[in-house]
Protein backbone atom coordinates (compact mmCIF):
# COMPACT_ATOMS: atom_id res chain seq x y z
CA UNK A 1 9.05 10.31 0.92
CA UNK A 2 10.65 9.56 -2.72
CA UNK A 3 8.66 10.20 -6.21
CA UNK A 4 8.43 8.28 -9.04
CA UNK A 5 6.81 8.03 -11.92
CA UNK A 6 3.63 7.54 -12.54
CA UNK A 7 1.77 6.18 -15.33
CA UNK A 8 -0.30 9.85 -16.02
CA UNK A 9 0.19 13.71 -15.09
CA UNK A 10 -1.63 16.54 -12.93
CA UNK A 11 -1.47 19.83 -13.64
CA UNK A 12 0.98 21.82 -12.83
CA UNK A 13 0.85 23.05 -9.70
CA UNK A 14 -1.79 20.19 -8.45
CA UNK A 15 -1.50 17.72 -5.82
CA UNK A 16 -3.58 15.06 -4.70
CA UNK A 17 -3.75 13.55 -1.55
CA UNK A 18 -5.99 10.05 -2.46
CA UNK A 19 -6.54 7.96 0.82
CA UNK A 20 -7.90 4.59 1.07
CA UNK A 21 -10.88 2.42 2.42
CA UNK A 22 -10.49 4.12 6.24
CA UNK A 23 -13.55 1.79 7.55
CA UNK A 24 -14.63 3.76 10.90
CA UNK A 25 -10.00 3.53 11.64
CA UNK A 26 -10.67 7.45 13.26
CA UNK A 27 -7.15 7.23 14.88
CA UNK A 28 -5.13 5.87 12.11
CA UNK A 29 -7.00 8.62 9.48
CA UNK A 30 -5.31 11.46 12.27
CA UNK A 31 -2.42 9.78 11.80
CA UNK A 32 -2.03 9.54 8.30
CA UNK A 33 -3.76 13.41 7.83
CA UNK A 34 -0.94 14.83 10.11
CA UNK A 35 1.70 13.58 8.38
CA UNK A 36 -0.21 14.96 4.79
CA UNK A 37 -0.26 17.93 6.68
CA UNK A 38 3.57 17.76 7.37
CA UNK A 39 4.35 17.02 3.52
CA UNK A 40 2.92 20.01 3.38
CA UNK A 41 4.70 21.93 5.63
CA UNK A 42 8.10 20.74 3.78
CA UNK A 43 6.54 20.87 0.81
CA UNK A 44 4.19 23.91 0.11
CA UNK A 45 2.03 23.70 -3.25
CA UNK A 46 -0.59 26.23 -4.15
CA UNK A 47 -3.75 23.27 -4.82
CA UNK A 48 -3.43 20.63 -2.91
CA UNK A 49 -6.66 18.31 -3.10
CA UNK A 50 -8.05 15.69 0.18
CA UNK A 51 -9.81 13.43 -1.48
CA UNK A 52 -11.11 9.82 0.11
CA UNK A 53 -11.84 7.17 -1.90
CA UNK A 54 -14.65 5.36 -0.50
CA UNK A 55 -15.82 3.05 2.68
CA UNK A 56 -15.46 5.59 4.90
CA UNK A 57 -17.84 3.31 7.01
CA UNK A 58 -18.04 0.06 8.78
CA UNK A 59 -16.03 -2.77 10.49
CA UNK A 60 -13.45 -0.51 12.46
CA UNK A 61 -14.35 0.75 15.67
CA UNK A 62 -15.18 4.18 15.09
CA UNK A 63 -17.30 5.01 11.92
CA UNK A 64 -18.79 8.18 13.72
CA UNK A 65 -15.12 9.28 14.27
CA UNK A 66 -14.55 9.83 11.24
CA UNK A 67 -17.48 11.07 9.50
CA UNK A 68 -17.37 13.51 12.30
CA UNK A 69 -13.99 14.22 11.23
CA UNK A 70 -14.73 14.54 7.62
CA UNK A 71 -18.36 16.21 7.68
CA UNK A 72 -17.37 19.63 8.90
CA UNK A 73 -15.12 20.31 5.67
CA UNK A 74 -11.04 19.32 5.35
CA UNK A 75 -8.92 18.12 8.70
CA UNK A 76 -5.79 19.28 6.65
CA UNK A 77 -5.14 22.75 5.97
CA UNK A 78 -4.68 24.33 2.70
CA UNK A 79 -6.17 21.84 0.97
CA UNK A 80 -9.83 21.45 -0.85
CA UNK A 81 -11.22 17.74 -0.10
CA UNK A 82 -13.22 15.38 -1.76
CA UNK A 83 -15.12 12.75 -0.70
CA UNK A 84 -16.54 9.26 -3.06
CA UNK A 85 -18.85 7.59 -2.12
CA UNK A 86 -18.10 3.44 -1.31
CA UNK A 87 -20.59 0.36 -1.19
CA UNK A 88 -20.53 0.39 2.25
CA UNK A 89 -21.96 3.73 2.57
CA UNK A 90 -23.96 3.06 -0.14
CA UNK A 91 -25.73 0.73 1.87
CA UNK A 92 -25.48 2.19 5.04
CA UNK A 93 -28.18 5.00 2.78
CA UNK A 94 -30.23 2.13 1.82
CA UNK A 95 -30.76 0.80 5.37
CA UNK A 96 -31.48 4.00 6.28
CA UNK A 97 -34.17 4.90 4.22
CA UNK A 98 -36.00 1.92 5.74
CA UNK A 99 -35.09 -0.83 2.94
CA UNK A 100 -35.62 -3.79 5.20
CA UNK A 101 -33.17 -6.10 3.01
CA UNK A 102 -30.57 -3.40 3.22
CA UNK A 103 -30.81 -4.09 7.23
CA UNK A 104 -29.99 -6.70 7.25
CA UNK A 105 -26.99 -6.77 4.41
CA UNK A 106 -25.37 -3.56 6.73
CA UNK A 107 -25.42 -4.80 9.42
CA UNK A 108 -23.55 -9.04 8.21
CA UNK A 109 -21.13 -6.10 6.25
CA UNK A 110 -19.89 -4.37 9.10
CA UNK A 111 -22.59 -2.26 9.84
CA UNK A 112 -23.09 -3.35 13.69
CA UNK A 113 -20.07 -2.18 14.12
CA UNK A 114 -20.77 1.72 12.58
CA UNK A 115 -24.52 1.50 14.82
CA UNK A 116 -22.37 0.71 17.71
CA UNK A 117 -19.63 3.94 17.44
CA UNK A 118 -23.07 5.53 17.62
CA UNK A 119 -24.66 4.73 20.72
CA UNK A 120 -26.98 2.59 18.56
CA UNK A 121 -28.06 -0.93 19.27
CA UNK A 122 -27.70 -3.01 16.34
CA UNK A 123 -30.12 -5.25 17.29
CA UNK A 124 -32.30 -2.28 18.28
CA UNK A 125 -35.74 -1.85 15.45
CA UNK A 126 -33.66 -0.27 11.88
CA UNK A 127 -36.16 1.99 11.72
CA UNK A 128 -34.90 3.76 14.92
CA UNK A 129 -31.42 3.63 13.31
CA UNK A 130 -31.77 7.06 10.94
CA UNK A 131 -33.28 9.11 13.94
CA UNK A 132 -29.74 8.46 15.84
CA UNK A 133 -27.37 9.67 13.71
CA UNK A 134 -27.66 13.42 13.06
CA UNK A 135 -28.63 14.38 10.45
CA UNK A 136 -25.43 16.13 9.45
CA UNK A 137 -24.28 12.63 9.76
CA UNK A 138 -26.49 11.80 7.38
CA UNK A 139 -26.72 14.88 4.87
CA UNK A 140 -22.32 14.26 4.16
CA UNK A 141 -23.22 10.97 3.14
CA UNK A 142 -25.59 11.41 0.46
CA UNK A 143 -23.59 13.93 -1.35
CA UNK A 144 -20.49 11.56 -1.73
CA UNK A 145 -20.12 11.84 -5.62
CA UNK A 146 -19.28 8.74 -7.62
CA UNK A 147 -16.36 10.01 -9.49
CA UNK A 148 -14.23 12.52 -9.49
CA UNK A 149 -11.45 13.04 -12.59
CA UNK A 150 -8.52 15.12 -12.77
CA UNK A 151 -5.75 15.37 -15.34
CA UNK A 152 -5.11 11.94 -16.36
CA UNK A 153 -6.75 10.12 -13.23
CA UNK A 154 -10.19 8.75 -12.23
CA UNK A 155 -10.98 8.77 -8.76
CA UNK A 156 -13.77 6.27 -8.34
CA UNK A 157 -14.74 3.69 -4.59
CA UNK A 158 -14.12 0.08 -6.78
CA UNK A 159 -13.64 -0.04 -10.18
CA UNK A 160 -14.78 0.46 -14.01
CA UNK A 161 -16.12 -1.56 -16.63
CA UNK A 162 -13.71 -2.02 -19.40
CA UNK A 163 -15.30 -0.58 -22.66
CA UNK A 164 -17.77 1.34 -21.80
CA UNK A 165 -16.77 5.13 -21.45
CA UNK A 166 -16.44 6.81 -18.24
CA UNK A 167 -18.99 9.13 -17.93
CA UNK A 168 -21.18 5.20 -18.60
CA UNK A 169 -20.16 3.60 -16.00
CA UNK A 170 -22.82 2.20 -14.46
CA UNK A 171 -23.21 2.42 -10.56
CA UNK A 172 -23.11 -0.56 -9.05
CA UNK A 173 -19.93 -1.13 -11.51
CA UNK A 174 -18.04 1.82 -9.97
CA UNK A 175 -19.01 0.60 -6.06
CA UNK A 176 -18.74 -3.03 -6.62
CA UNK A 177 -16.36 -4.21 -9.65
CA UNK A 178 -13.92 -6.21 -9.64
CA UNK A 179 -13.46 -8.79 -12.60
CA UNK A 180 -13.15 -8.05 -14.22
CA UNK A 181 -11.75 -4.59 -13.71
CA UNK A 182 -8.33 -6.32 -11.84
CA UNK A 183 -7.21 -8.21 -14.46
CA UNK A 184 -7.82 -5.81 -17.72
CA UNK A 185 -4.72 -4.94 -19.46
CA UNK A 186 -7.54 -2.36 -20.99
CA UNK A 187 -7.04 1.71 -21.70
CA UNK A 188 -10.19 3.10 -18.78
CA UNK A 189 -9.54 6.20 -20.95
CA UNK A 190 -8.25 7.82 -17.59
CA UNK A 191 -5.55 6.20 -14.93
CA UNK A 192 -8.27 4.67 -12.44
CA UNK A 193 -7.48 5.27 -8.76
CA UNK A 194 -9.50 3.00 -6.37
CA UNK A 195 -9.64 0.98 -3.78
CA UNK A 196 -12.39 -1.64 -2.15
CA UNK A 197 -10.22 -5.29 -2.62
CA UNK A 198 -7.48 -5.52 -0.31
CA UNK A 199 -3.91 -5.45 -1.41
CA UNK A 200 -1.08 -5.82 1.09
CA UNK A 201 0.99 -3.14 -0.67
CA UNK A 202 0.24 -0.10 -3.13
CA UNK A 203 -0.90 -1.60 -6.85
CA UNK A 204 0.75 0.67 -10.11
CA UNK A 205 -0.12 -1.07 -13.06
CA UNK A 206 -0.15 1.17 -16.53
CA UNK A 207 -4.35 1.65 -16.28
CA UNK A 208 -4.84 1.74 -12.29
CA UNK A 209 -4.01 2.24 -8.73
CA UNK A 210 -4.43 0.45 -5.68
CA UNK A 211 -5.19 1.73 -2.89
CA UNK A 212 -7.00 -0.34 0.16
CA UNK A 213 -3.67 -1.89 1.89
CA UNK A 214 -6.70 -3.13 4.41
CA UNK A 215 -6.27 -0.50 7.38
CA UNK A 216 -9.45 -2.68 9.44
CA UNK A 217 -7.75 -5.76 8.58
CA UNK A 218 -4.73 -4.91 10.57
CA UNK A 219 -2.73 -3.53 7.70
CA UNK A 220 -1.84 0.42 6.82
CA UNK A 221 -3.49 3.06 6.23
CA UNK A 222 -2.23 4.15 2.98
CA UNK A 223 -2.58 7.92 0.72
CA UNK A 224 -1.55 7.94 -2.69
CA UNK A 225 0.75 11.06 -3.44
CA UNK A 226 0.01 12.11 -6.88
CA UNK A 227 1.97 15.23 -8.36
CA UNK A 228 2.64 16.31 -12.05
CA UNK A 229 3.88 13.42 -13.65
CA UNK A 230 5.41 11.43 -10.11
CA UNK A 231 3.84 9.40 -7.14
CA UNK A 232 4.75 8.73 -3.97
CA UNK A 233 2.40 7.22 -0.75
CA UNK A 234 2.54 7.64 3.05
CA UNK A 235 1.30 5.34 5.09
CA UNK A 236 -0.57 5.06 8.84
CA UNK A 237 0.38 1.77 10.48
CA UNK A 238 -2.03 0.06 12.66
CA UNK A 239 -0.80 1.36 15.83
CA UNK A 240 -0.67 5.19 14.61
CA UNK A 241 2.36 5.87 14.27
CA UNK A 242 2.52 7.19 10.89
CA UNK A 243 4.96 6.27 8.75
CA UNK A 244 6.04 7.70 5.01
CA UNK A 245 7.52 5.36 2.39
CA UNK A 246 8.62 5.37 -1.64
CA UNK A 247 6.88 3.66 -3.61
CA UNK A 248 8.34 0.57 -5.16
C-alpha cells in the first residue's frame, strides 16, 4: 500500500484504520481485518485505532456475525476500536424498542436480512424480535457514538450540516445527510470521514473523504488508512480476497 498526501493530519505515532459501511458482509469484513493485521505486522506502530463508520447491519447475509465479531472488542490485535452509529443501527434499535413505524421501516430498509441472520422469521410479531437477539448485541448497538474526532478529522456515518459547528450538529444530519453536504466546499471544522452514500471508489476532497464503496451491492469493502499527513486504502473484494490499493 502506497501512502499519498492527505487533506488533514494525525498526531505523531498515531494511525487510524477507518472501515466503510459493512451492511452484514461478515466474511468480507474478516478478510479486511486480516489485511489490516498484515499491514500492522509490516508497519508496526504504537497507537493504532480500528474504526467502523456505521451501517454495520442490514441488507447483507450476516448481520449477527458482524455484531458478534465487533461486540467482544477489537478483532485486530494491537488496536483500540471505536464503532460509529449509522442510520441502520438507529432504525434497528427503534424497531426493537417496540416502535411499529420503525419496525416497518426497518424491514423495508434491510432489516429482513438482519432478522434472518439471527434465525428470526421477519413475519413474526415485532414485539418478539428483541428477545431473540442476544443482550450483548443490543447493548453494543445502544453504546455506539455519533461522532469521533481526532487530529484534523471527524468521523461520522453520513455527513454534517454546512455552517453548523461540529459540536452542534443534529443527530439526523449525522446519520442521514447527503445534501447539501456532498456538494459543499465549506470548511466543516475538520475533514469529515463518512460513509452512507455509496461510491464506486473512495472519494477524497479537501473537506471530506467518502469510504462507502458499496460492499453489500457487490463492491469492495474499503478501509481508509490515515497516518501523519498521509493516507492510503486497503480493500477486500466481493469474494473476500483482500487487495491493497494506493490512493488515486
